[in-house]
Amino acid sequence: LGILNSYSAMSDEERTASNWTPSFRDNAVASYKSTNHI
């Protein structure tokens, strides 16, 4: 959740410069949901 908050706070340029890709975001979402399910 903290990683997703950081991602959501970034502008498109910050994400590009940091290499925080949509795939990275989607992996964080999947991890959050699976952890909550467990």
ModelCIF file with pLDDT and N, C-alpha, C, O atoms, coordinates in Angstrom:
data_MODEL
#
_entry.id   MODEL 
#
_entity.id                         1 
_entity.type                       polymer 
_entity.pdbx_number_of_molecules   1 
#
_entity_poly.entity_id                      1 
_entity_poly.type                           'polypeptide(L)' 
_entity_poly.nstd_linkage                   no 
_entity_poly.nstd_monomer                   no 
_entity_poly.pdbx_seq_one_letter_code       LGILNSYSAMSDEERTASNWTPSFRDNAVASYKSTNHI 
_entity_poly.pdbx_seq_one_letter_code_can   LGILNSYSAMSDEERTASNWTPSFRDNAVASYKSTNHI 
_entity_poly.pdbx_strand_id                 A 
#
loop_
_entity_poly_seq.entity_id 
_entity_poly_seq.num 
_entity_poly_seq.mon_id 
_entity_poly_seq.hetero 
1 1  LEU n 
1 2  GLY n 
1 3  ILE n 
1 4  LEU n 
1 5  ASN n 
1 6  SER n 
1 7  TYR n 
1 8  SER n 
1 9  ALA n 
1 10 MET n 
1 11 SER n 
1 12 ASP n 
1 13 GLU n 
1 14 GLU n 
1 15 ARG n 
1 16 THR n 
1 17 ALA n 
1 18 SER n 
1 19 ASN n 
1 20 TRP n 
1 21 THR n 
1 22 PRO n 
1 23 SER n 
1 24 PHE n 
1 25 ARG n 
1 26 ASP n 
1 27 ASN n 
1 28 ALA n 
1 29 VAL n 
1 30 ALA n 
1 31 SER n 
1 32 TYR n 
1 33 LYS n 
1 34 SER n 
1 35 THR n 
1 36 ASN n 
1 37 HIS n 
1 38 ILE n 
#
_struct_asym.id          A 
_struct_asym.entity_id   1 
#
loop_
_ma_qa_metric.id 
_ma_qa_metric.mode 
_ma_qa_metric.name 
_ma_qa_metric.software_group_id 
_ma_qa_metric.type 
1 global pLDDT . pLDDT 
2 local  pLDDT . pLDDT 
#
_ma_qa_metric_global.metric_id      1 
_ma_qa_metric_global.metric_value   91.76 
_ma_qa_metric_global.model_id       1 
_ma_qa_metric_global.ordinal_id     1 
#
loop_
_ma_qa_metric_local.label_asym_id 
_ma_qa_metric_local.label_comp_id 
_ma_qa_metric_local.label_seq_id 
_ma_qa_metric_local.metric_id 
_ma_qa_metric_local.metric_value 
_ma_qa_metric_local.model_id 
_ma_qa_metric_local.ordinal_id 
A LEU 1  2 89.00 1 1  
A GLY 2  2 90.00 1 2  
A ILE 3  2 92.00 1 3  
A LEU 4  2 93.00 1 4  
A ASN 5  2 91.00 1 5  
A SER 6  2 92.00 1 6  
A TYR 7  2 93.00 1 7  
A SER 8  2 91.00 1 8  
A ALA 9  2 91.00 1 9  
A MET 10 2 93.00 1 10 
A SER 11 2 92.00 1 11 
A ASP 12 2 93.00 1 12 
A GLU 13 2 95.00 1 13 
A GLU 14 2 95.00 1 14 
A ARG 15 2 95.00 1 15 
A THR 16 2 96.00 1 16 
A ALA 17 2 96.00 1 17 
A SER 18 2 94.00 1 18 
A ASN 19 2 93.00 1 19 
A TRP 20 2 94.00 1 20 
A THR 21 2 94.00 1 21 
A PRO 22 2 94.00 1 22 
A SER 23 2 94.00 1 23 
A PHE 24 2 92.00 1 24 
A ARG 25 2 93.00 1 25 
A ASP 26 2 94.00 1 26 
A ASN 27 2 93.00 1 27 
A ALA 28 2 93.00 1 28 
A VAL 29 2 93.00 1 29 
A ALA 30 2 93.00 1 30 
A SER 31 2 92.00 1 31 
A TYR 32 2 89.00 1 32 
A LYS 33 2 89.00 1 33 
A SER 34 2 90.00 1 34 
A THR 35 2 88.00 1 35 
A ASN 36 2 80.00 1 36 
A HIS 37 2 81.00 1 37 
A ILE 38 2 87.00 1 38 
#
loop_
_atom_site.group_PDB 
_atom_site.id 
_atom_site.type_symbol 
_atom_site.label_atom_id 
_atom_site.label_alt_id 
_atom_site.label_comp_id 
_atom_site.label_asym_id 
_atom_site.label_entity_id 
_atom_site.label_seq_id 
_atom_site.pdbx_PDB_ins_code 
_atom_site.Cartn_x 
_atom_site.Cartn_y 
_atom_site.Cartn_z 
_atom_site.occupancy 
_atom_site.B_iso_or_equiv 
_atom_site.pdbx_formal_charge 
_atom_site.auth_seq_id 
_atom_site.auth_comp_id 
_atom_site.auth_asym_id 
_atom_site.auth_atom_id 
_atom_site.pdbx_PDB_model_num 
ATOM 1   N N  . LEU A 1 1  ? 0.831  -1.206  0.000   1.00 89.00 ? 1  LEU A N  1 
ATOM 2   C CA . LEU A 1 1  ? 0.000  0.000   0.000   1.00 89.00 ? 1  LEU A CA 1 
ATOM 3   C C  . LEU A 1 1  ? 0.866  1.255   0.000   1.00 89.00 ? 1  LEU A C  1 
ATOM 4   O O  . LEU A 1 1  ? 0.557  2.226   -0.691  1.00 89.00 ? 1  LEU A O  1 
ATOM 5   N N  . GLY A 1 2  ? 1.952  1.236   0.777   1.00 90.00 ? 2  GLY A N  1 
ATOM 6   C CA . GLY A 1 2  ? 2.857  2.383   0.822   1.00 90.00 ? 2  GLY A CA 1 
ATOM 7   C C  . GLY A 1 2  ? 3.527  2.618   -0.516  1.00 90.00 ? 2  GLY A C  1 
ATOM 8   O O  . GLY A 1 2  ? 3.692  3.761   -0.942  1.00 90.00 ? 2  GLY A O  1 
ATOM 9   N N  . ILE A 1 3  ? 3.913  1.540   -1.178  1.00 92.00 ? 3  ILE A N  1 
ATOM 10  C CA . ILE A 1 3  ? 4.528  1.658   -2.501  1.00 92.00 ? 3  ILE A CA 1 
ATOM 11  C C  . ILE A 1 3  ? 3.522  2.227   -3.504  1.00 92.00 ? 3  ILE A C  1 
ATOM 12  O O  . ILE A 1 3  ? 3.878  3.064   -4.333  1.00 92.00 ? 3  ILE A O  1 
ATOM 13  N N  . LEU A 1 4  ? 2.271  1.775   -3.429  1.00 93.00 ? 4  LEU A N  1 
ATOM 14  C CA . LEU A 1 4  ? 1.240  2.282   -4.329  1.00 93.00 ? 4  LEU A CA 1 
ATOM 15  C C  . LEU A 1 4  ? 0.951  3.758   -4.071  1.00 93.00 ? 4  LEU A C  1 
ATOM 16  O O  . LEU A 1 4  ? 0.692  4.512   -5.009  1.00 93.00 ? 4  LEU A O  1 
ATOM 17  N N  . ASN A 1 5  ? 0.995  4.174   -2.811  1.00 91.00 ? 5  ASN A N  1 
ATOM 18  C CA . ASN A 1 5  ? 0.811  5.593   -2.498  1.00 91.00 ? 5  ASN A CA 1 
ATOM 19  C C  . ASN A 1 5  ? 1.930  6.430   -3.115  1.00 91.00 ? 5  ASN A C  1 
ATOM 20  O O  . ASN A 1 5  ? 1.686  7.515   -3.643  1.00 91.00 ? 5  ASN A O  1 
ATOM 21  N N  . SER A 1 6  ? 3.147  5.922   -3.043  1.00 92.00 ? 6  SER A N  1 
ATOM 22  C CA . SER A 1 6  ? 4.281  6.633   -3.652  1.00 92.00 ? 6  SER A CA 1 
ATOM 23  C C  . SER A 1 6  ? 4.106  6.709   -5.160  1.00 92.00 ? 6  SER A C  1 
ATOM 24  O O  . SER A 1 6  ? 4.365  7.747   -5.771  1.00 92.00 ? 6  SER A O  1 
ATOM 25  N N  . TYR A 1 7  ? 3.668  5.614   -5.757  1.00 93.00 ? 7  TYR A N  1 
ATOM 26  C CA . TYR A 1 7  ? 3.437  5.579   -7.209  1.00 93.00 ? 7  TYR A CA 1 
ATOM 27  C C  . TYR A 1 7  ? 2.364  6.590   -7.600  1.00 93.00 ? 7  TYR A C  1 
ATOM 28  O O  . TYR A 1 7  ? 2.529  7.341   -8.561  1.00 93.00 ? 7  TYR A O  1 
ATOM 29  N N  . SER A 1 8  ? 1.259  6.603   -6.845  1.00 91.00 ? 8  SER A N  1 
ATOM 30  C CA . SER A 1 8  ? 0.149  7.493   -7.165  1.00 91.00 ? 8  SER A CA 1 
ATOM 31  C C  . SER A 1 8  ? 0.532  8.959   -7.005  1.00 91.00 ? 8  SER A C  1 
ATOM 32  O O  . SER A 1 8  ? -0.039 9.828   -7.663  1.00 91.00 ? 8  SER A O  1 
ATOM 33  N N  . ALA A 1 9  ? 1.498  9.234   -6.129  1.00 91.00 ? 9  ALA A N  1 
ATOM 34  C CA . ALA A 1 9  ? 1.921  10.618  -5.896  1.00 91.00 ? 9  ALA A CA 1 
ATOM 35  C C  . ALA A 1 9  ? 2.848  11.142  -6.981  1.00 91.00 ? 9  ALA A C  1 
ATOM 36  O O  . ALA A 1 9  ? 3.078  12.349  -7.064  1.00 91.00 ? 9  ALA A O  1 
ATOM 37  N N  . MET A 1 10 ? 3.386  10.254  -7.815  1.00 93.00 ? 10 MET A N  1 
ATOM 38  C CA . MET A 1 10 ? 4.347  10.655  -8.838  1.00 93.00 ? 10 MET A CA 1 
ATOM 39  C C  . MET A 1 10 ? 3.663  11.206  -10.082 1.00 93.00 ? 10 MET A C  1 
ATOM 40  O O  . MET A 1 10 ? 2.554  10.803  -10.433 1.00 93.00 ? 10 MET A O  1 
ATOM 41  N N  . SER A 1 11 ? 4.346  12.133  -10.736 1.00 92.00 ? 11 SER A N  1 
ATOM 42  C CA . SER A 1 11 ? 3.921  12.561  -12.062 1.00 92.00 ? 11 SER A CA 1 
ATOM 43  C C  . SER A 1 11 ? 4.413  11.535  -13.079 1.00 92.00 ? 11 SER A C  1 
ATOM 44  O O  . SER A 1 11 ? 5.217  10.664  -12.748 1.00 92.00 ? 11 SER A O  1 
ATOM 45  N N  . ASP A 1 12 ? 3.932  11.637  -14.308 1.00 93.00 ? 12 ASP A N  1 
ATOM 46  C CA . ASP A 1 12 ? 4.377  10.706  -15.349 1.00 93.00 ? 12 ASP A CA 1 
ATOM 47  C C  . ASP A 1 12 ? 5.880  10.772  -15.537 1.00 93.00 ? 12 ASP A C  1 
ATOM 48  O O  . ASP A 1 12 ? 6.529  9.746   -15.743 1.00 93.00 ? 12 ASP A O  1 
ATOM 49  N N  . GLU A 1 13 ? 6.442  11.982  -15.467 1.00 95.00 ? 13 GLU A N  1 
ATOM 50  C CA . GLU A 1 13 ? 7.887  12.149  -15.656 1.00 95.00 ? 13 GLU A CA 1 
ATOM 51  C C  . GLU A 1 13 ? 8.674  11.497  -14.527 1.00 95.00 ? 13 GLU A C  1 
ATOM 52  O O  . GLU A 1 13 ? 9.725  10.901  -14.762 1.00 95.00 ? 13 GLU A O  1 
ATOM 53  N N  . GLU A 1 14 ? 8.166  11.608  -13.299 1.00 95.00 ? 14 GLU A N  1 
ATOM 54  C CA . GLU A 1 14 ? 8.853  10.986  -12.165 1.00 95.00 ? 14 GLU A CA 1 
ATOM 55  C C  . GLU A 1 14 ? 8.850  9.469   -12.303 1.00 95.00 ? 14 GLU A C  1 
ATOM 56  O O  . GLU A 1 14 ? 9.849  8.813   -12.008 1.00 95.00 ? 14 GLU A O  1 
ATOM 57  N N  . ARG A 1 15 ? 7.721  8.907   -12.753 1.00 95.00 ? 15 ARG A N  1 
ATOM 58  C CA . ARG A 1 15 ? 7.645  7.459   -12.928 1.00 95.00 ? 15 ARG A CA 1 
ATOM 59  C C  . ARG A 1 15 ? 8.609  6.988   -14.006 1.00 95.00 ? 15 ARG A C  1 
ATOM 60  O O  . ARG A 1 15 ? 9.258  5.953   -13.859 1.00 95.00 ? 15 ARG A O  1 
ATOM 61  N N  . THR A 1 16 ? 8.699  7.754   -15.090 1.00 96.00 ? 16 THR A N  1 
ATOM 62  C CA . THR A 1 16 ? 9.609  7.388   -16.173 1.00 96.00 ? 16 THR A CA 1 
ATOM 63  C C  . THR A 1 16 ? 11.058 7.450   -15.707 1.00 96.00 ? 16 THR A C  1 
ATOM 64  O O  . THR A 1 16 ? 11.842 6.536   -15.959 1.00 96.00 ? 16 THR A O  1 
ATOM 65  N N  . ALA A 1 17 ? 11.404 8.539   -15.024 1.00 96.00 ? 17 ALA A N  1 
ATOM 66  C CA . ALA A 1 17 ? 12.784 8.711   -14.556 1.00 96.00 ? 17 ALA A CA 1 
ATOM 67  C C  . ALA A 1 17 ? 13.158 7.658   -13.523 1.00 96.00 ? 17 ALA A C  1 
ATOM 68  O O  . ALA A 1 17 ? 14.319 7.260   -13.434 1.00 96.00 ? 17 ALA A O  1 
ATOM 69  N N  . SER A 1 18 ? 12.182 7.203   -12.743 1.00 94.00 ? 18 SER A N  1 
ATOM 70  C CA . SER A 1 18 ? 12.437 6.225   -11.679 1.00 94.00 ? 18 SER A CA 1 
ATOM 71  C C  . SER A 1 18 ? 12.246 4.787   -12.139 1.00 94.00 ? 18 SER A C  1 
ATOM 72  O O  . SER A 1 18 ? 12.533 3.849   -11.395 1.00 94.00 ? 18 SER A O  1 
ATOM 73  N N  . ASN A 1 19 ? 11.754 4.613   -13.380 1.00 93.00 ? 19 ASN A N  1 
ATOM 74  C CA . ASN A 1 19 ? 11.458 3.291   -13.925 1.00 93.00 ? 19 ASN A CA 1 
ATOM 75  C C  . ASN A 1 19 ? 10.374 2.578   -13.124 1.00 93.00 ? 19 ASN A C  1 
ATOM 76  O O  . ASN A 1 19 ? 10.407 1.359   -12.957 1.00 93.00 ? 19 ASN A O  1 
ATOM 77  N N  . TRP A 1 20 ? 9.412  3.358   -12.633 1.00 94.00 ? 20 TRP A N  1 
ATOM 78  C CA . TRP A 1 20 ? 8.253  2.785   -11.955 1.00 94.00 ? 20 TRP A CA 1 
ATOM 79  C C  . TRP A 1 20 ? 7.179  2.587   -13.022 1.00 94.00 ? 20 TRP A C  1 
ATOM 80  O O  . TRP A 1 20 ? 6.374  3.482   -13.275 1.00 94.00 ? 20 TRP A O  1 
ATOM 81  N N  . THR A 1 21 ? 7.174  1.437   -13.630 1.00 94.00 ? 21 THR A N  1 
ATOM 82  C CA . THR A 1 21 ? 6.335  1.144   -14.782 1.00 94.00 ? 21 THR A CA 1 
ATOM 83  C C  . THR A 1 21 ? 4.930  0.699   -14.355 1.00 94.00 ? 21 THR A C  1 
ATOM 84  O O  . THR A 1 21 ? 4.717  0.351   -13.194 1.00 94.00 ? 21 THR A O  1 
ATOM 85  N N  . PRO A 1 22 ? 3.970  0.710   -15.296 1.00 94.00 ? 22 PRO A N  1 
ATOM 86  C CA . PRO A 1 22 ? 2.645  0.151   -14.988 1.00 94.00 ? 22 PRO A CA 1 
ATOM 87  C C  . PRO A 1 22 ? 2.716  -1.306  -14.530 1.00 94.00 ? 22 PRO A C  1 
ATOM 88  O O  . PRO A 1 22 ? 1.918  -1.739  -13.699 1.00 94.00 ? 22 PRO A O  1 
ATOM 89  N N  . SER A 1 23 ? 3.665  -2.053  -15.069 1.00 94.00 ? 23 SER A N  1 
ATOM 90  C CA . SER A 1 23 ? 3.832  -3.441  -14.644 1.00 94.00 ? 23 SER A CA 1 
ATOM 91  C C  . SER A 1 23 ? 4.247  -3.515  -13.177 1.00 94.00 ? 23 SER A C  1 
ATOM 92  O O  . SER A 1 23 ? 3.767  -4.366  -12.428 1.00 94.00 ? 23 SER A O  1 
ATOM 93  N N  . PHE A 1 24 ? 5.143  -2.617  -12.777 1.00 92.00 ? 24 PHE A N  1 
ATOM 94  C CA . PHE A 1 24 ? 5.564  -2.542  -11.376 1.00 92.00 ? 24 PHE A CA 1 
ATOM 95  C C  . PHE A 1 24 ? 4.372  -2.217  -10.489 1.00 92.00 ? 24 PHE A C  1 
ATOM 96  O O  . PHE A 1 24 ? 4.195  -2.814  -9.427  1.00 92.00 ? 24 PHE A O  1 
ATOM 97  N N  . ARG A 1 25 ? 3.546  -1.255  -10.938 1.00 93.00 ? 25 ARG A N  1 
ATOM 98  C CA . ARG A 1 25 ? 2.328  -0.887  -10.193 1.00 93.00 ? 25 ARG A CA 1 
ATOM 99  C C  . ARG A 1 25 ? 1.383  -2.071  -10.080 1.00 93.00 ? 25 ARG A C  1 
ATOM 100 O O  . ARG A 1 25 ? 0.866  -2.351  -8.998  1.00 93.00 ? 25 ARG A O  1 
ATOM 101 N N  . ASP A 1 26 ? 1.151  -2.770  -11.188 1.00 94.00 ? 26 ASP A N  1 
ATOM 102 C CA . ASP A 1 26 ? 0.219  -3.898  -11.195 1.00 94.00 ? 26 ASP A CA 1 
ATOM 103 C C  . ASP A 1 26 ? 0.697  -5.024  -10.279 1.00 94.00 ? 26 ASP A C  1 
ATOM 104 O O  . ASP A 1 26 ? -0.113 -5.688  -9.633  1.00 94.00 ? 26 ASP A O  1 
ATOM 105 N N  . ASN A 1 27 ? 2.001  -5.235  -10.225 1.00 93.00 ? 27 ASN A N  1 
ATOM 106 C CA . ASN A 1 27 ? 2.550  -6.247  -9.320  1.00 93.00 ? 27 ASN A CA 1 
ATOM 107 C C  . ASN A 1 27 ? 2.300  -5.867  -7.859  1.00 93.00 ? 27 ASN A C  1 
ATOM 108 O O  . ASN A 1 27 ? 2.006  -6.723  -7.024  1.00 93.00 ? 27 ASN A O  1 
ATOM 109 N N  . ALA A 1 28 ? 2.421  -4.565  -7.563  1.00 93.00 ? 28 ALA A N  1 
ATOM 110 C CA . ALA A 1 28 ? 2.168  -4.103  -6.203  1.00 93.00 ? 28 ALA A CA 1 
ATOM 111 C C  . ALA A 1 28 ? 0.700  -4.277  -5.842  1.00 93.00 ? 28 ALA A C  1 
ATOM 112 O O  . ALA A 1 28 ? 0.377  -4.662  -4.719  1.00 93.00 ? 28 ALA A O  1 
ATOM 113 N N  . VAL A 1 29 ? -0.191 -3.994  -6.790  1.00 93.00 ? 29 VAL A N  1 
ATOM 114 C CA . VAL A 1 29 ? -1.628 -4.186  -6.556  1.00 93.00 ? 29 VAL A CA 1 
ATOM 115 C C  . VAL A 1 29 ? -1.925 -5.665  -6.304  1.00 93.00 ? 29 VAL A C  1 
ATOM 116 O O  . VAL A 1 29 ? -2.668 -6.004  -5.382  1.00 93.00 ? 29 VAL A O  1 
ATOM 117 N N  . ALA A 1 30 ? -1.352 -6.530  -7.113  1.00 93.00 ? 30 ALA A N  1 
ATOM 118 C CA . ALA A 1 30 ? -1.577 -7.971  -6.950  1.00 93.00 ? 30 ALA A CA 1 
ATOM 119 C C  . ALA A 1 30 ? -1.066 -8.455  -5.600  1.00 93.00 ? 30 ALA A C  1 
ATOM 120 O O  . ALA A 1 30 ? -1.708 -9.271  -4.940  1.00 93.00 ? 30 ALA A O  1 
ATOM 121 N N  . SER A 1 31 ? 0.098  -7.944  -5.194  1.00 92.00 ? 31 SER A N  1 
ATOM 122 C CA . SER A 1 31 ? 0.661  -8.332  -3.908  1.00 92.00 ? 31 SER A CA 1 
ATOM 123 C C  . SER A 1 31 ? -0.234 -7.872  -2.764  1.00 92.00 ? 31 SER A C  1 
ATOM 124 O O  . SER A 1 31 ? -0.459 -8.609  -1.803  1.00 92.00 ? 31 SER A O  1 
ATOM 125 N N  . TYR A 1 32 ? -0.744 -6.645  -2.878  1.00 89.00 ? 32 TYR A N  1 
ATOM 126 C CA . TYR A 1 32 ? -1.627 -6.114  -1.833  1.00 89.00 ? 32 TYR A CA 1 
ATOM 127 C C  . TYR A 1 32 ? -2.891 -6.966  -1.700  1.00 89.00 ? 32 TYR A C  1 
ATOM 128 O O  . TYR A 1 32 ? -3.292 -7.335  -0.596  1.00 89.00 ? 32 TYR A O  1 
ATOM 129 N N  . LYS A 1 33 ? -3.502 -7.266  -2.828  1.00 89.00 ? 33 LYS A N  1 
ATOM 130 C CA . LYS A 1 33 ? -4.752 -8.021  -2.802  1.00 89.00 ? 33 LYS A CA 1 
ATOM 131 C C  . LYS A 1 33 ? -4.551 -9.457  -2.307  1.00 89.00 ? 33 LYS A C  1 
ATOM 132 O O  . LYS A 1 33 ? -5.367 -9.982  -1.549  1.00 89.00 ? 33 LYS A O  1 
ATOM 133 N N  . SER A 1 34 ? -3.464 -10.077 -2.742  1.00 90.00 ? 34 SER A N  1 
ATOM 134 C CA . SER A 1 34 ? -3.222 -11.460 -2.309  1.00 90.00 ? 34 SER A CA 1 
ATOM 135 C C  . SER A 1 34 ? -2.897 -11.518 -0.819  1.00 90.00 ? 34 SER A C  1 
ATOM 136 O O  . SER A 1 34 ? -3.324 -12.437 -0.119  1.00 90.00 ? 34 SER A O  1 
ATOM 137 N N  . THR A 1 35 ? -2.143 -10.536 -0.339  1.00 88.00 ? 35 THR A N  1 
ATOM 138 C CA . THR A 1 35 ? -1.818 -10.501 1.093   1.00 88.00 ? 35 THR A CA 1 
ATOM 139 C C  . THR A 1 35 ? -3.073 -10.293 1.915   1.00 88.00 ? 35 THR A C  1 
ATOM 140 O O  . THR A 1 35 ? -3.265 -10.955 2.935   1.00 88.00 ? 35 THR A O  1 
ATOM 141 N N  . ASN A 1 36 ? -3.937 -9.373  1.479   1.00 80.00 ? 36 ASN A N  1 
ATOM 142 C CA . ASN A 1 36 ? -5.181 -9.135  2.189   1.00 80.00 ? 36 ASN A CA 1 
ATOM 143 C C  . ASN A 1 36 ? -6.084 -10.371 2.174   1.00 80.00 ? 36 ASN A C  1 
ATOM 144 O O  . ASN A 1 36 ? -6.768 -10.663 3.155   1.00 80.00 ? 36 ASN A O  1 
ATOM 145 N N  . HIS A 1 37 ? -6.077 -11.088 1.054   1.00 81.00 ? 37 HIS A N  1 
ATOM 146 C CA . HIS A 1 37 ? -6.896 -12.303 0.958   1.00 81.00 ? 37 HIS A CA 1 
ATOM 147 C C  . HIS A 1 37 ? -6.412 -13.352 1.951   1.00 81.00 ? 37 HIS A C  1 
ATOM 148 O O  . HIS A 1 37 ? -7.215 -13.999 2.623   1.00 81.00 ? 37 HIS A O  1 
ATOM 149 N N  . ILE A 1 38 ? -5.109 -13.514 2.037   1.00 87.00 ? 38 ILE A N  1 
ATOM 150 C CA . ILE A 1 38 ? -4.544 -14.490 2.989   1.00 87.00 ? 38 ILE A CA 1 
ATOM 151 C C  . ILE A 1 38 ? -4.856 -14.092 4.412   1.00 87.00 ? 38 ILE A C  1 
ATOM 152 O O  . ILE A 1 38 ? -4.464 -14.789 5.348   1.00 87.00 ? 38 ILE A O  1 
#
